[in-house]
Amino acid sequence: QVQLVESGGGLVQAGGSLRLSCAASGSIFSIMAMAWYRQAPGKQRELVARISSGGTTNYADSVKGRFTISRDNAKNTVYLQMNSLKPEDTAVYYCNAHRGFNDFWGQGTQVTVSS
C-alpha cells in the first residue's frame, strides 16, 4: 500500500507560481510512475503531467512550457512547479502513483487562480 499526501496548493493571482509536493510512503516509490491530475468543478479529472521511474516526463498540451514535474527518490517526493498560472488552471490537484495494475491517489489539494 502506498499513501500519498499533497501540499502546496492555495490562492494565487494570474501569472503567479505555486509548487505542489506529494510525499509518498513505502519503499517502492522509486519504481513507480508518478503523475499529477486535476479536476475542475463540473469537469472530468484530467492528466496534467507524468514522470516515469526513469525520469521521462510528459505533459498535457495546456500546461506545456508552464509546468514542470520532477521527483526526488531520496525523499519519496514528486513535485509540480506551476508558473504563469491562469484562471483555467483552477482545480483540485491530485497526486497519483502507478505500477502495473495498482493505482494510488492522494486526497487532493486546491489550487485557485484569480484573474
N, C-alpha and C. Protein backbone atom coordinates (compact mmCIF):
# COMPACT_ATOMS: atom_id res chain seq x y z
N GLN A 1 0.85 -1.19 0.00
CA GLN A 1 0.00 0.00 0.00
C GLN A 1 0.88 1.24 0.00
N VAL A 2 0.48 2.24 -0.77
CA VAL A 2 1.21 3.49 -0.84
C VAL A 2 0.27 4.61 -0.43
N GLN A 3 0.72 5.44 0.48
CA GLN A 3 -0.07 6.61 0.87
C GLN A 3 0.58 7.87 0.31
N LEU A 4 -0.26 8.75 -0.21
CA LEU A 4 0.22 9.97 -0.85
C LEU A 4 -0.39 11.18 -0.14
N VAL A 5 0.44 12.15 0.17
CA VAL A 5 -0.03 13.36 0.82
C VAL A 5 0.45 14.57 0.04
N GLU A 6 -0.52 15.31 -0.52
CA GLU A 6 -0.19 16.51 -1.29
C GLU A 6 -0.14 17.74 -0.39
N SER A 7 0.62 18.72 -0.83
CA SER A 7 0.68 20.01 -0.15
C SER A 7 1.10 21.07 -1.16
N GLY A 8 0.91 22.34 -0.78
CA GLY A 8 1.38 23.43 -1.61
C GLY A 8 0.33 24.17 -2.39
N GLY A 9 -0.91 23.72 -2.32
CA GLY A 9 -1.98 24.43 -3.00
C GLY A 9 -2.28 25.75 -2.32
N GLY A 10 -3.14 26.54 -2.98
CA GLY A 10 -3.53 27.80 -2.40
C GLY A 10 -4.14 28.73 -3.42
N LEU A 11 -4.24 29.99 -3.03
CA LEU A 11 -4.81 31.03 -3.88
C LEU A 11 -3.68 31.89 -4.43
N VAL A 12 -3.67 32.11 -5.73
CA VAL A 12 -2.62 32.90 -6.37
C VAL A 12 -3.25 33.73 -7.49
N GLN A 13 -2.65 34.87 -7.77
CA GLN A 13 -3.13 35.68 -8.88
C GLN A 13 -2.63 35.13 -10.21
N ALA A 14 -3.37 35.44 -11.25
CA ALA A 14 -2.95 35.03 -12.59
C ALA A 14 -1.54 35.54 -12.87
N GLY A 15 -0.73 34.67 -13.46
CA GLY A 15 0.66 34.99 -13.72
C GLY A 15 1.61 34.55 -12.62
N GLY A 16 1.06 34.15 -11.51
CA GLY A 16 1.88 33.74 -10.38
C GLY A 16 2.31 32.29 -10.47
N SER A 17 2.97 31.84 -9.41
CA SER A 17 3.53 30.49 -9.38
C SER A 17 3.16 29.79 -8.08
N LEU A 18 3.10 28.48 -8.16
CA LEU A 18 2.95 27.61 -6.99
C LEU A 18 3.76 26.36 -7.24
N ARG A 19 4.20 25.74 -6.15
CA ARG A 19 4.83 24.43 -6.25
C ARG A 19 4.08 23.45 -5.38
N LEU A 20 3.58 22.40 -6.01
CA LEU A 20 2.91 21.33 -5.29
C LEU A 20 3.91 20.24 -4.96
N SER A 21 3.71 19.63 -3.80
CA SER A 21 4.53 18.49 -3.39
C SER A 21 3.62 17.31 -3.07
N CYS A 22 4.14 16.13 -3.29
CA CYS A 22 3.42 14.90 -2.96
C CYS A 22 4.41 13.94 -2.31
N ALA A 23 4.21 13.72 -1.03
CA ALA A 23 5.08 12.82 -0.28
C ALA A 23 4.45 11.44 -0.24
N ALA A 24 5.25 10.43 -0.56
CA ALA A 24 4.76 9.06 -0.62
C ALA A 24 5.37 8.21 0.48
N SER A 25 4.55 7.33 1.02
CA SER A 25 5.06 6.35 1.99
C SER A 25 5.52 5.11 1.24
N GLY A 26 6.22 4.24 1.92
CA GLY A 26 6.61 2.99 1.30
C GLY A 26 7.98 3.02 0.66
N SER A 27 8.47 1.83 0.37
CA SER A 27 9.84 1.71 -0.13
C SER A 27 9.91 1.51 -1.63
N ILE A 28 8.76 1.57 -2.31
CA ILE A 28 8.78 1.27 -3.75
C ILE A 28 8.58 2.53 -4.59
N PHE A 29 8.71 3.69 -3.96
CA PHE A 29 8.46 4.94 -4.68
C PHE A 29 9.31 5.03 -5.94
N SER A 30 10.57 4.64 -5.85
CA SER A 30 11.49 4.86 -6.96
C SER A 30 11.13 4.06 -8.21
N ILE A 31 10.33 3.01 -8.05
CA ILE A 31 9.99 2.19 -9.22
C ILE A 31 8.58 2.48 -9.72
N MET A 32 7.96 3.48 -9.16
CA MET A 32 6.60 3.81 -9.56
C MET A 32 6.58 5.03 -10.48
N ALA A 33 5.68 4.98 -11.46
CA ALA A 33 5.41 6.18 -12.24
C ALA A 33 4.54 7.10 -11.40
N MET A 34 4.84 8.37 -11.45
CA MET A 34 4.10 9.35 -10.66
C MET A 34 3.46 10.36 -11.60
N ALA A 35 2.32 10.89 -11.17
CA ALA A 35 1.62 11.84 -12.04
C ALA A 35 0.82 12.82 -11.19
N TRP A 36 0.50 13.92 -11.82
CA TRP A 36 -0.44 14.90 -11.27
C TRP A 36 -1.65 14.96 -12.20
N TYR A 37 -2.81 14.88 -11.60
CA TYR A 37 -4.07 15.07 -12.29
C TYR A 37 -4.77 16.28 -11.67
N ARG A 38 -5.78 16.78 -12.36
CA ARG A 38 -6.59 17.84 -11.78
C ARG A 38 -8.05 17.67 -12.19
N GLN A 39 -8.90 18.21 -11.34
CA GLN A 39 -10.33 18.16 -11.63
C GLN A 39 -10.96 19.48 -11.25
N ALA A 40 -11.49 20.15 -12.27
CA ALA A 40 -12.19 21.41 -12.06
C ALA A 40 -13.67 21.11 -11.83
N PRO A 41 -14.39 22.02 -11.19
CA PRO A 41 -15.82 21.80 -10.93
C PRO A 41 -16.59 21.51 -12.22
N GLY A 42 -17.36 20.45 -12.20
CA GLY A 42 -18.17 20.09 -13.35
C GLY A 42 -17.43 19.44 -14.49
N LYS A 43 -16.14 19.17 -14.29
CA LYS A 43 -15.33 18.57 -15.35
C LYS A 43 -14.73 17.24 -14.90
N GLN A 44 -14.30 16.46 -15.88
CA GLN A 44 -13.67 15.19 -15.56
C GLN A 44 -12.22 15.41 -15.11
N ARG A 45 -11.73 14.47 -14.34
CA ARG A 45 -10.34 14.52 -13.93
C ARG A 45 -9.46 14.34 -15.17
N GLU A 46 -8.41 15.15 -15.26
CA GLU A 46 -7.53 15.08 -16.43
C GLU A 46 -6.07 14.99 -16.00
N LEU A 47 -5.29 14.33 -16.83
CA LEU A 47 -3.85 14.23 -16.58
C LEU A 47 -3.18 15.58 -16.84
N VAL A 48 -2.35 16.00 -15.92
CA VAL A 48 -1.60 17.24 -16.08
C VAL A 48 -0.16 16.94 -16.50
N ALA A 49 0.48 16.04 -15.77
CA ALA A 49 1.88 15.71 -16.05
C ALA A 49 2.20 14.35 -15.44
N ARG A 50 3.16 13.66 -16.08
CA ARG A 50 3.56 12.34 -15.62
C ARG A 50 5.07 12.23 -15.69
N ILE A 51 5.63 11.50 -14.74
CA ILE A 51 7.06 11.23 -14.77
C ILE A 51 7.27 9.75 -14.48
N SER A 52 8.03 9.10 -15.34
CA SER A 52 8.27 7.67 -15.17
C SER A 52 9.30 7.42 -14.08
N SER A 53 9.48 6.15 -13.74
CA SER A 53 10.50 5.81 -12.76
C SER A 53 11.89 6.20 -13.25
N GLY A 54 12.06 6.23 -14.57
CA GLY A 54 13.35 6.60 -15.15
C GLY A 54 13.52 8.09 -15.40
N GLY A 55 12.45 8.87 -15.12
CA GLY A 55 12.57 10.31 -15.25
C GLY A 55 11.99 10.90 -16.53
N THR A 56 11.42 10.06 -17.39
CA THR A 56 10.79 10.57 -18.60
C THR A 56 9.50 11.30 -18.23
N THR A 57 9.32 12.47 -18.82
CA THR A 57 8.15 13.28 -18.49
C THR A 57 7.27 13.50 -19.70
N ASN A 58 5.99 13.69 -19.45
CA ASN A 58 5.10 14.17 -20.48
C ASN A 58 4.01 15.04 -19.83
N TYR A 59 3.47 15.95 -20.65
CA TYR A 59 2.58 16.99 -20.15
C TYR A 59 1.34 17.12 -21.03
N ALA A 60 0.28 17.58 -20.41
CA ALA A 60 -0.89 17.98 -21.17
C ALA A 60 -0.52 19.21 -21.99
N ASP A 61 -1.11 19.32 -23.17
CA ASP A 61 -0.79 20.45 -24.04
C ASP A 61 -1.06 21.78 -23.35
N SER A 62 -2.08 21.81 -22.51
CA SER A 62 -2.50 23.06 -21.88
C SER A 62 -1.48 23.59 -20.88
N VAL A 63 -0.54 22.75 -20.43
CA VAL A 63 0.43 23.20 -19.42
C VAL A 63 1.87 23.16 -19.92
N LYS A 64 2.09 22.68 -21.13
CA LYS A 64 3.45 22.61 -21.65
C LYS A 64 4.11 23.98 -21.65
N GLY A 65 5.33 24.00 -21.17
CA GLY A 65 6.07 25.26 -21.12
C GLY A 65 5.81 26.08 -19.88
N ARG A 66 4.80 25.70 -19.09
CA ARG A 66 4.48 26.44 -17.87
C ARG A 66 4.68 25.59 -16.62
N PHE A 67 4.41 24.30 -16.71
CA PHE A 67 4.51 23.39 -15.56
C PHE A 67 5.69 22.46 -15.74
N THR A 68 6.30 22.09 -14.62
CA THR A 68 7.40 21.13 -14.64
C THR A 68 7.20 20.11 -13.53
N ILE A 69 7.21 18.84 -13.90
CA ILE A 69 7.12 17.75 -12.91
C ILE A 69 8.52 17.23 -12.65
N SER A 70 8.80 16.92 -11.41
CA SER A 70 10.10 16.35 -11.06
C SER A 70 9.92 15.42 -9.86
N ARG A 71 10.94 14.63 -9.59
CA ARG A 71 10.85 13.70 -8.47
C ARG A 71 12.20 13.63 -7.76
N ASP A 72 12.12 13.39 -6.46
CA ASP A 72 13.30 13.19 -5.64
C ASP A 72 13.12 11.84 -4.96
N ASN A 73 13.75 10.81 -5.49
CA ASN A 73 13.55 9.46 -4.96
C ASN A 73 14.12 9.31 -3.55
N ALA A 74 15.12 10.10 -3.21
CA ALA A 74 15.68 10.03 -1.86
C ALA A 74 14.68 10.53 -0.82
N LYS A 75 13.78 11.42 -1.25
CA LYS A 75 12.78 11.98 -0.34
C LYS A 75 11.39 11.40 -0.58
N ASN A 76 11.27 10.44 -1.50
CA ASN A 76 9.96 9.87 -1.83
C ASN A 76 8.94 10.96 -2.15
N THR A 77 9.36 11.93 -2.94
CA THR A 77 8.51 13.08 -3.20
C THR A 77 8.51 13.43 -4.68
N VAL A 78 7.34 13.79 -5.17
CA VAL A 78 7.20 14.30 -6.53
C VAL A 78 6.68 15.73 -6.43
N TYR A 79 7.13 16.56 -7.34
CA TYR A 79 6.79 17.98 -7.33
C TYR A 79 6.11 18.39 -8.63
N LEU A 80 5.33 19.45 -8.54
CA LEU A 80 4.80 20.08 -9.74
C LEU A 80 5.00 21.59 -9.58
N GLN A 81 5.95 22.10 -10.35
CA GLN A 81 6.19 23.55 -10.36
C GLN A 81 5.28 24.15 -11.41
N MET A 82 4.46 25.09 -10.97
CA MET A 82 3.47 25.70 -11.86
C MET A 82 3.76 27.19 -11.97
N ASN A 83 4.11 27.62 -13.17
CA ASN A 83 4.40 29.03 -13.44
C ASN A 83 3.37 29.60 -14.41
N SER A 84 3.33 30.91 -14.48
CA SER A 84 2.40 31.60 -15.40
C SER A 84 0.98 31.04 -15.27
N LEU A 85 0.53 30.93 -14.05
CA LEU A 85 -0.79 30.33 -13.80
C LEU A 85 -1.91 31.16 -14.40
N LYS A 86 -2.93 30.45 -14.84
CA LYS A 86 -4.09 31.07 -15.47
C LYS A 86 -5.35 30.69 -14.68
N PRO A 87 -6.39 31.48 -14.77
CA PRO A 87 -7.64 31.12 -14.07
C PRO A 87 -8.14 29.73 -14.44
N GLU A 88 -7.90 29.32 -15.66
CA GLU A 88 -8.37 27.99 -16.08
C GLU A 88 -7.55 26.85 -15.47
N ASP A 89 -6.50 27.17 -14.75
CA ASP A 89 -5.75 26.15 -14.01
C ASP A 89 -6.40 25.85 -12.66
N THR A 90 -7.42 26.61 -12.30
CA THR A 90 -8.12 26.39 -11.04
C THR A 90 -8.74 25.00 -11.01
N ALA A 91 -8.39 24.23 -9.97
CA ALA A 91 -8.87 22.85 -9.86
C ALA A 91 -8.35 22.26 -8.56
N VAL A 92 -8.85 21.08 -8.24
CA VAL A 92 -8.23 20.26 -7.21
C VAL A 92 -7.18 19.40 -7.91
N TYR A 93 -5.97 19.44 -7.40
CA TYR A 93 -4.86 18.69 -7.98
C TYR A 93 -4.60 17.44 -7.16
N TYR A 94 -4.51 16.32 -7.86
CA TYR A 94 -4.33 15.01 -7.21
C TYR A 94 -3.01 14.39 -7.64
N CYS A 95 -2.34 13.81 -6.68
CA CYS A 95 -1.13 13.05 -6.94
C CYS A 95 -1.51 11.59 -7.18
N ASN A 96 -0.84 10.96 -8.13
CA ASN A 96 -1.11 9.56 -8.48
C ASN A 96 0.19 8.79 -8.54
N ALA A 97 0.15 7.57 -8.01
CA ALA A 97 1.27 6.64 -8.14
C ALA A 97 0.76 5.40 -8.86
N HIS A 98 1.54 4.94 -9.82
CA HIS A 98 1.08 3.84 -10.67
C HIS A 98 2.19 2.83 -10.89
N ARG A 99 1.81 1.55 -10.75
CA ARG A 99 2.71 0.48 -11.17
C ARG A 99 1.88 -0.77 -11.44
N GLY A 100 2.03 -1.27 -12.63
CA GLY A 100 1.27 -2.47 -13.01
C GLY A 100 -0.22 -2.19 -12.97
N PHE A 101 -0.94 -3.02 -12.19
CA PHE A 101 -2.39 -2.85 -12.07
C PHE A 101 -2.77 -1.98 -10.86
N ASN A 102 -1.78 -1.41 -10.22
CA ASN A 102 -2.04 -0.67 -9.00
C ASN A 102 -1.98 0.84 -9.22
N ASP A 103 -3.00 1.51 -8.72
CA ASP A 103 -3.05 2.97 -8.74
C ASP A 103 -3.36 3.46 -7.33
N PHE A 104 -2.63 4.48 -6.90
CA PHE A 104 -2.86 5.09 -5.60
C PHE A 104 -3.05 6.59 -5.79
N TRP A 105 -3.93 7.15 -4.94
CA TRP A 105 -4.28 8.56 -5.07
C TRP A 105 -4.12 9.29 -3.74
N GLY A 106 -3.75 10.55 -3.83
CA GLY A 106 -3.76 11.41 -2.68
C GLY A 106 -5.14 12.01 -2.49
N GLN A 107 -5.28 12.82 -1.45
CA GLN A 107 -6.58 13.39 -1.12
C GLN A 107 -6.88 14.66 -1.92
N GLY A 108 -5.88 15.20 -2.57
CA GLY A 108 -6.08 16.39 -3.39
C GLY A 108 -5.73 17.68 -2.67
N THR A 109 -5.32 18.66 -3.44
CA THR A 109 -5.04 19.99 -2.89
C THR A 109 -5.62 21.03 -3.85
N GLN A 110 -6.29 22.02 -3.28
CA GLN A 110 -6.99 23.02 -4.09
C GLN A 110 -6.01 24.08 -4.58
N VAL A 111 -6.10 24.36 -5.88
CA VAL A 111 -5.37 25.48 -6.48
C VAL A 111 -6.40 26.42 -7.08
N THR A 112 -6.36 27.66 -6.66
CA THR A 112 -7.28 28.67 -7.17
C THR A 112 -6.49 29.84 -7.73
N VAL A 113 -6.75 30.16 -8.99
CA VAL A 113 -6.05 31.26 -9.67
C VAL A 113 -7.06 32.36 -9.94
N SER A 114 -6.82 33.50 -9.38
CA SER A 114 -7.74 34.63 -9.57
C SER A 114 -7.28 35.50 -10.74
N SER A 115 -8.26 36.08 -11.42
CA SER A 115 -7.94 36.91 -12.59
C SER A 115 -7.74 38.36 -12.20
